C-alpha atoms as a PDB file:
ATOM      1  CA  MET A   1     -65.134-134.088 -51.059  1.00  0.00           C
ATOM      2  CA  SER A   2     -64.672-133.306 -47.393  1.00  0.00           C
ATOM      3  CA  LYS A   3     -64.499-136.325 -45.110  1.00  0.00           C
ATOM      4  CA  ILE A   4     -65.662-134.287 -42.103  1.00  0.00           C
ATOM      5  CA  ASN A   5     -67.662-131.097 -41.737  1.00  0.00           C
ATOM      6  CA  ILE A   6     -66.129-127.688 -41.361  1.00  0.00           C
ATOM      7  CA  PRO A   7     -67.464-126.386 -38.066  1.00  0.00           C
ATOM      8  CA  THR A   8     -69.176-122.987 -37.981  1.00  0.00           C
ATOM      9  CA  ARG A   9     -68.498-120.423 -35.325  1.00  0.00           C
ATOM     10  CA  GLU A  10     -71.656-121.526 -33.487  1.00  0.00           C
ATOM     11  CA  GLU A  11     -70.469-125.150 -33.406  1.00  0.00           C
ATOM     12  CA  VAL A  12     -67.155-124.547 -31.670  1.00  0.00           C
ATOM     13  CA  SER A  13     -66.177-123.759 -28.074  1.00  0.00           C
ATOM     14  CA  PRO A  14     -66.159-120.195 -26.756  1.00  0.00           C
ATOM     15  CA  ASN A  15     -62.346-120.198 -26.859  1.00  0.00           C
ATOM     16  CA  ASN A  16     -62.369-121.257 -30.522  1.00  0.00           C
ATOM     17  CA  GLN A  17     -65.117-118.709 -31.258  1.00  0.00           C
ATOM     18  CA  ALA A  18     -62.793-115.948 -30.016  1.00  0.00           C
ATOM     19  CA  ILE A  19     -59.999-117.328 -32.283  1.00  0.00           C
ATOM     20  CA  PHE A  20     -62.441-117.413 -35.226  1.00  0.00           C
ATOM     21  CA  ASP A  21     -63.281-113.741 -34.511  1.00  0.00           C
ATOM     22  CA  ASN A  22     -59.576-112.817 -34.446  1.00  0.00           C
ATOM     23  CA  LEU A  23     -58.916-114.716 -37.660  1.00  0.00           C
ATOM     24  CA  LYS A  24     -61.880-113.029 -39.375  1.00  0.00           C
ATOM     25  CA  ASN A  25     -60.620-109.617 -38.236  1.00  0.00           C
ATOM     26  CA  SER A  26     -57.035-110.229 -39.356  1.00  0.00           C
ATOM     27  CA  LEU A  27     -57.543-112.349 -42.510  1.00  0.00           C
ATOM     28  CA  GLY A  28     -61.074-111.378 -43.502  1.00  0.00           C
ATOM     29  CA  PHE A  29     -62.249-114.987 -43.155  1.00  0.00           C
ATOM     30  CA  VAL A  30     -61.615-118.213 -41.209  1.00  0.00           C
ATOM     31  CA  PRO A  31     -59.715-120.592 -43.505  1.00  0.00           C
ATOM     32  CA  ASN A  32     -61.411-123.992 -43.737  1.00  0.00           C
ATOM     33  CA  LEU A  33     -58.331-125.782 -42.499  1.00  0.00           C
ATOM     34  CA  PHE A  34     -58.109-123.592 -39.382  1.00  0.00           C
ATOM     35  CA  ALA A  35     -61.812-124.131 -38.762  1.00  0.00           C
ATOM     36  CA  THR A  36     -61.239-127.862 -38.977  1.00  0.00           C
ATOM     37  CA  TYR A  37     -58.641-127.633 -36.206  1.00  0.00           C
ATOM     38  CA  ALA A  38     -61.463-126.231 -34.021  1.00  0.00           C
ATOM     39  CA  HIS A  39     -63.118-129.644 -33.792  1.00  0.00           C
ATOM     40  CA  SER A  40     -60.631-129.949 -30.943  1.00  0.00           C
ATOM     41  CA  GLU A  41     -60.936-127.696 -27.943  1.00  0.00           C
ATOM     42  CA  THR A  42     -57.175-127.041 -27.948  1.00  0.00           C
ATOM     43  CA  ALA A  43     -55.699-127.838 -31.412  1.00  0.00           C
ATOM     44  CA  LEU A  44     -56.452-124.531 -33.153  1.00  0.00           C
ATOM     45  CA  GLU A  45     -54.919-122.390 -30.440  1.00  0.00           C
ATOM     46  CA  ASN A  46     -51.961-124.762 -30.039  1.00  0.00           C
ATOM     47  CA  TYR A  47     -51.337-124.825 -33.805  1.00  0.00           C
ATOM     48  CA  LEU A  48     -51.554-121.075 -34.242  1.00  0.00           C
ATOM     49  CA  ASN A  49     -49.177-120.538 -31.314  1.00  0.00           C
ATOM     50  CA  PHE A  50     -46.793-123.072 -32.868  1.00  0.00           C
ATOM     51  CA  ALA A  51     -47.061-121.573 -36.370  1.00  0.00           C
ATOM     52  CA  ASN A  52     -46.592-118.022 -35.129  1.00  0.00           C
ATOM     53  CA  ALA A  53     -43.807-118.748 -32.636  1.00  0.00           C
ATOM     54  CA  LYS A  54     -40.508-116.896 -32.832  1.00  0.00           C
ATOM     55  CA  THR A  55     -37.991-118.290 -35.330  1.00  0.00           C
ATOM     56  CA  SER A  56     -34.635-117.383 -36.792  1.00  0.00           C
ATOM     57  CA  LEU A  57     -36.134-117.711 -40.284  1.00  0.00           C
ATOM     58  CA  THR A  58     -37.396-114.762 -42.287  1.00  0.00           C
ATOM     59  CA  ALA A  59     -40.905-114.687 -43.711  1.00  0.00           C
ATOM     60  CA  LYS A  60     -39.529-115.547 -47.164  1.00  0.00           C
ATOM     61  CA  GLU A  61     -37.466-118.441 -45.762  1.00  0.00           C
ATOM     62  CA  LYS A  62     -40.538-119.772 -43.966  1.00  0.00           C
ATOM     63  CA  GLU A  63     -42.483-119.727 -47.205  1.00  0.00           C
ATOM     64  CA  VAL A  64     -39.727-121.653 -48.963  1.00  0.00           C
ATOM     65  CA  VAL A  65     -40.011-124.422 -46.357  1.00  0.00           C
ATOM     66  CA  ASN A  66     -43.842-124.297 -46.363  1.00  0.00           C
ATOM     67  CA  LEU A  67     -43.996-124.632 -50.162  1.00  0.00           C
ATOM     68  CA  VAL A  68     -41.411-127.405 -50.383  1.00  0.00           C
ATOM     69  CA  VAL A  69     -42.886-129.474 -47.554  1.00  0.00           C
ATOM     70  CA  SER A  70     -46.444-129.075 -48.873  1.00  0.00           C
ATOM     71  CA  GLU A  71     -45.281-130.186 -52.374  1.00  0.00           C
ATOM     72  CA  VAL A  72     -43.486-133.240 -51.044  1.00  0.00           C
ATOM     73  CA  ASN A  73     -46.537-134.124 -48.925  1.00  0.00           C
ATOM     74  CA  ASN A  74     -48.867-133.426 -51.887  1.00  0.00           C
ATOM     75  CA  CYS A  75     -51.131-131.047 -49.927  1.00  0.00           C
ATOM     76  CA  ILE A  76     -53.112-128.912 -52.367  1.00  0.00           C
ATOM     77  CA  TYR A  77     -54.664-126.881 -49.553  1.00  0.00           C
ATOM     78  CA  CYS A  78     -51.316-125.800 -48.113  1.00  0.00           C
ATOM     79  CA  LEU A  79     -49.775-125.366 -51.565  1.00  0.00           C
ATOM     80  CA  SER A  80     -52.639-123.029 -52.485  1.00  0.00           C
ATOM     81  CA  ALA A  81     -52.440-121.060 -49.221  1.00  0.00           C
ATOM     82  CA  HIS A  82     -48.670-120.737 -49.327  1.00  0.00           C
ATOM     83  CA  THR A  83     -48.622-119.814 -53.000  1.00  0.00           C
ATOM     84  CA  ALA A  84     -50.777-116.842 -52.084  1.00  0.00           C
ATOM     85  CA  ILE A  85     -48.599-116.051 -49.036  1.00  0.00           C
ATOM     86  CA  GLY A  86     -45.441-116.538 -51.074  1.00  0.00           C
ATOM     87  CA  LYS A  87     -46.678-113.904 -53.546  1.00  0.00           C
ATOM     88  CA  MET A  88     -47.406-111.540 -50.645  1.00  0.00           C
ATOM     89  CA  ASN A  89     -43.774-112.059 -49.593  1.00  0.00           C
ATOM     90  CA  GLY A  90     -42.420-111.089 -53.000  1.00  0.00           C
ATOM     91  CA  PHE A  91     -41.987-114.372 -54.846  1.00  0.00           C
ATOM     92  CA  THR A  92     -43.056-114.538 -58.495  1.00  0.00           C
ATOM     93  CA  ASP A  93     -45.110-117.359 -59.941  1.00  0.00           C
ATOM     94  CA  SER A  94     -42.037-118.871 -61.623  1.00  0.00           C
ATOM     95  CA  GLN A  95     -40.009-118.664 -58.384  1.00  0.00           C
ATOM     96  CA  ILE A  96     -42.817-120.360 -56.486  1.00  0.00           C
ATOM     97  CA  PHE A  97     -42.895-123.208 -59.012  1.00  0.00           C
ATOM     98  CA  GLU A  98     -39.138-123.615 -58.737  1.00  0.00           C
ATOM     99  CA  ILE A  99     -39.240-123.537 -54.927  1.00  0.00           C
ATOM    100  CA  ARG A 100     -41.932-126.228 -54.904  1.00  0.00           C
ATOM    101  CA  SER A 101     -39.602-128.432 -56.905  1.00  0.00           C
ATOM    102  CA  GLY A 102     -36.946-128.068 -54.168  1.00  0.00           C
ATOM    103  CA  ASN A 103     -34.748-125.503 -55.914  1.00  0.00           C
ATOM    104  CA  ALA A 104     -34.235-121.719 -55.929  1.00  0.00           C
ATOM    105  CA  SER A 105     -31.640-120.967 -58.606  1.00  0.00           C
ATOM    106  CA  PHE A 106     -32.420-117.263 -58.248  1.00  0.00           C
ATOM    107  CA  ASP A 107     -30.904-117.170 -54.707  1.00  0.00           C
ATOM    108  CA  ASN A 108     -28.068-119.479 -53.533  1.00  0.00           C
ATOM    109  CA  LYS A 109     -29.062-119.285 -49.880  1.00  0.00           C
ATOM    110  CA  LEU A 110     -32.727-120.014 -50.521  1.00  0.00           C
ATOM    111  CA  ASP A 111     -31.627-122.837 -52.866  1.00  0.00           C
ATOM    112  CA  ALA A 112     -29.729-124.503 -50.015  1.00  0.00           C
ATOM    113  CA  LEU A 113     -32.773-124.056 -47.781  1.00  0.00           C
ATOM    114  CA  ALA A 114     -35.142-125.513 -50.365  1.00  0.00           C
ATOM    115  CA  LYS A 115     -32.893-128.529 -50.935  1.00  0.00           C
ATOM    116  CA  LEU A 116     -32.639-129.148 -47.176  1.00  0.00           C
ATOM    117  CA  ALA A 117     -36.383-128.883 -46.654  1.00  0.00           C
ATOM    118  CA  LYS A 118     -37.093-131.259 -49.518  1.00  0.00           C
ATOM    119  CA  ASN A 119     -34.478-133.801 -48.472  1.00  0.00           C
ATOM    120  CA  ALA A 120     -35.481-133.719 -44.779  1.00  0.00           C
ATOM    121  CA  THR A 121     -39.176-134.149 -45.660  1.00  0.00           C
ATOM    122  CA  GLU A 122     -38.660-136.908 -48.210  1.00  0.00           C
ATOM    123  CA  ASN A 123     -36.324-138.836 -45.893  1.00  0.00           C
ATOM    124  CA  ARG A 124     -38.249-138.196 -42.651  1.00  0.00           C
ATOM    125  CA  GLY A 125     -35.368-136.221 -41.163  1.00  0.00           C
ATOM    126  CA  ASN A 126     -32.560-138.512 -42.357  1.00  0.00           C
ATOM    127  CA  THR A 127     -30.982-135.579 -44.161  1.00  0.00           C
ATOM    128  CA  ASN A 128     -28.164-136.202 -46.656  1.00  0.00           C
ATOM    129  CA  GLN A 129     -24.806-134.952 -45.280  1.00  0.00           C
ATOM    130  CA  GLU A 130     -23.914-133.156 -48.516  1.00  0.00           C
ATOM    131  CA  ILE A 131     -27.194-131.219 -48.434  1.00  0.00           C
ATOM    132  CA  LEU A 132     -26.641-130.370 -44.778  1.00  0.00           C
ATOM    133  CA  ASP A 133     -23.087-129.195 -45.519  1.00  0.00           C
ATOM    134  CA  ASN A 134     -24.399-127.062 -48.388  1.00  0.00           C
ATOM    135  CA  PHE A 135     -26.976-125.527 -46.026  1.00  0.00           C
ATOM    136  CA  PHE A 136     -24.281-124.518 -43.556  1.00  0.00           C
ATOM    137  CA  ASN A 137     -21.912-123.336 -46.336  1.00  0.00           C
ATOM    138  CA  ALA A 138     -24.732-121.056 -47.588  1.00  0.00           C
ATOM    139  CA  GLY A 139     -24.531-119.176 -44.284  1.00  0.00           C
ATOM    140  CA  TYR A 140     -27.116-120.924 -42.153  1.00  0.00           C
ATOM    141  CA  SER A 141     -26.440-121.815 -38.506  1.00  0.00           C
ATOM    142  CA  LYS A 142     -27.229-124.839 -36.372  1.00  0.00           C
ATOM    143  CA  GLY A 143     -30.034-122.785 -34.814  1.00  0.00           C
ATOM    144  CA  ASN A 144     -31.430-122.182 -38.322  1.00  0.00           C
ATOM    145  CA  LEU A 145     -31.292-125.943 -38.954  1.00  0.00           C
ATOM    146  CA  ILE A 146     -33.386-126.656 -35.861  1.00  0.00           C
ATOM    147  CA  ASP A 147     -35.880-123.943 -36.808  1.00  0.00           C
ATOM    148  CA  VAL A 148     -36.175-125.406 -40.327  1.00  0.00           C
ATOM    149  CA  LEU A 149     -36.855-128.894 -38.920  1.00  0.00           C
ATOM    150  CA  VAL A 150     -39.440-127.524 -36.504  1.00  0.00           C
ATOM    151  CA  LEU A 151     -41.152-125.777 -39.437  1.00  0.00           C
ATOM    152  CA  VAL A 152     -41.057-128.990 -41.462  1.00  0.00           C
ATOM    153  CA  GLY A 153     -42.898-130.645 -38.602  1.00  0.00           C
ATOM    154  CA  GLU A 154     -45.401-127.787 -38.179  1.00  0.00           C
ATOM    155  CA  LYS A 155     -46.267-127.736 -41.874  1.00  0.00           C
ATOM    156  CA  THR A 156     -46.537-131.554 -42.011  1.00  0.00           C
ATOM    157  CA  ILE A 157     -49.213-131.355 -39.304  1.00  0.00           C
ATOM    158  CA  SER A 158     -51.411-129.180 -41.524  1.00  0.00           C
ATOM    159  CA  ASN A 159     -50.584-131.283 -44.575  1.00  0.00           C
ATOM    160  CA  TYR A 160     -51.743-134.402 -42.737  1.00  0.00           C
ATOM    161  CA  ILE A 161     -54.897-132.781 -41.399  1.00  0.00           C
ATOM    162  CA  HIS A 162     -55.895-131.721 -44.898  1.00  0.00           C
ATOM    163  CA  SER A 163     -54.942-135.073 -46.433  1.00  0.00           C
ATOM    164  CA  THR A 164     -57.128-136.810 -43.863  1.00  0.00           C
ATOM    165  CA  THR A 165     -60.086-134.458 -43.863  1.00  0.00           C
ATOM    166  CA  GLN A 166     -60.080-133.198 -47.491  1.00  0.00           C
ATOM    167  CA  VAL A 167     -61.812-129.963 -46.506  1.00  0.00           C
ATOM    168  CA  PRO A 168     -62.382-127.687 -49.487  1.00  0.00           C
ATOM    169  CA  VAL A 169     -59.573-125.334 -50.483  1.00  0.00           C
ATOM    170  CA  ASP A 170     -60.640-121.737 -49.960  1.00  0.00           C
ATOM    171  CA  PHE A 171     -57.643-120.079 -51.616  1.00  0.00           C
ATOM    172  CA  PRO A 172     -56.959-119.773 -55.334  1.00  0.00           C
ATOM    173  CA  LEU A 173     -55.927-123.275 -56.383  1.00  0.00           C
ATOM    174  CA  ALA A 174     -52.216-123.817 -56.899  1.00  0.00           C
ATOM    175  CA  LYS A 175     -51.372-125.170 -60.314  1.00  0.00           C
ATOM    176  CA  PRO A 176     -49.722-128.581 -60.387  1.00  0.00           C
ATOM    177  CA  LEU A 177     -46.023-128.813 -61.170  1.00  0.00           C
ATOM    178  CA  GLU A 178     -45.187-130.132 -64.574  1.00  0.00           C
ATOM    179  CA  PRO A 179     -43.901-133.708 -64.293  1.00  0.00           C
ATOM    180  CA  ALA A 180     -40.512-132.668 -65.726  1.00  0.00           C
ATOM    181  CA  THR A 181     -39.886-130.198 -62.854  1.00  0.00           C
ATOM    182  CA  VAL A 182     -40.527-132.585 -59.968  1.00  0.00           C
END
């Protein structure tokens, strides 16, 4: 059950109303989590700018990080949203489950990325040197590393907002990982 209301278009500032209109035009709806950001005059715009900023990561790489971080942080809203987005980016259901567990055996480079995202999230940035070396050996650069860590932070913000507010998930619900795969 939601701990706070999801504001309607009429309940938010004119600036946020314009963002709601843009979201509705581009996505077909305003996701509940984005609407919740609009309780703040500035948070929704700031978050969307942050989330859509330039990065050295591909769309698929971003989804690997989003899925891993959301799994570690146990955020069903973001897991559900990024499962849908992951599918739009070409991942299969079985690949998405594997990525959520912090692995990607189907692609060595994405596997190194998934392991880094999981380790960095679980250890609050105190990444294991072996995992970091594996990331670089897979072909990633120091710039990629910084972009991954920025994305870990960006996704953690949404994970925390959902964990605190418990707004209803308005995406098809992601299935839980089997205990043996965690």
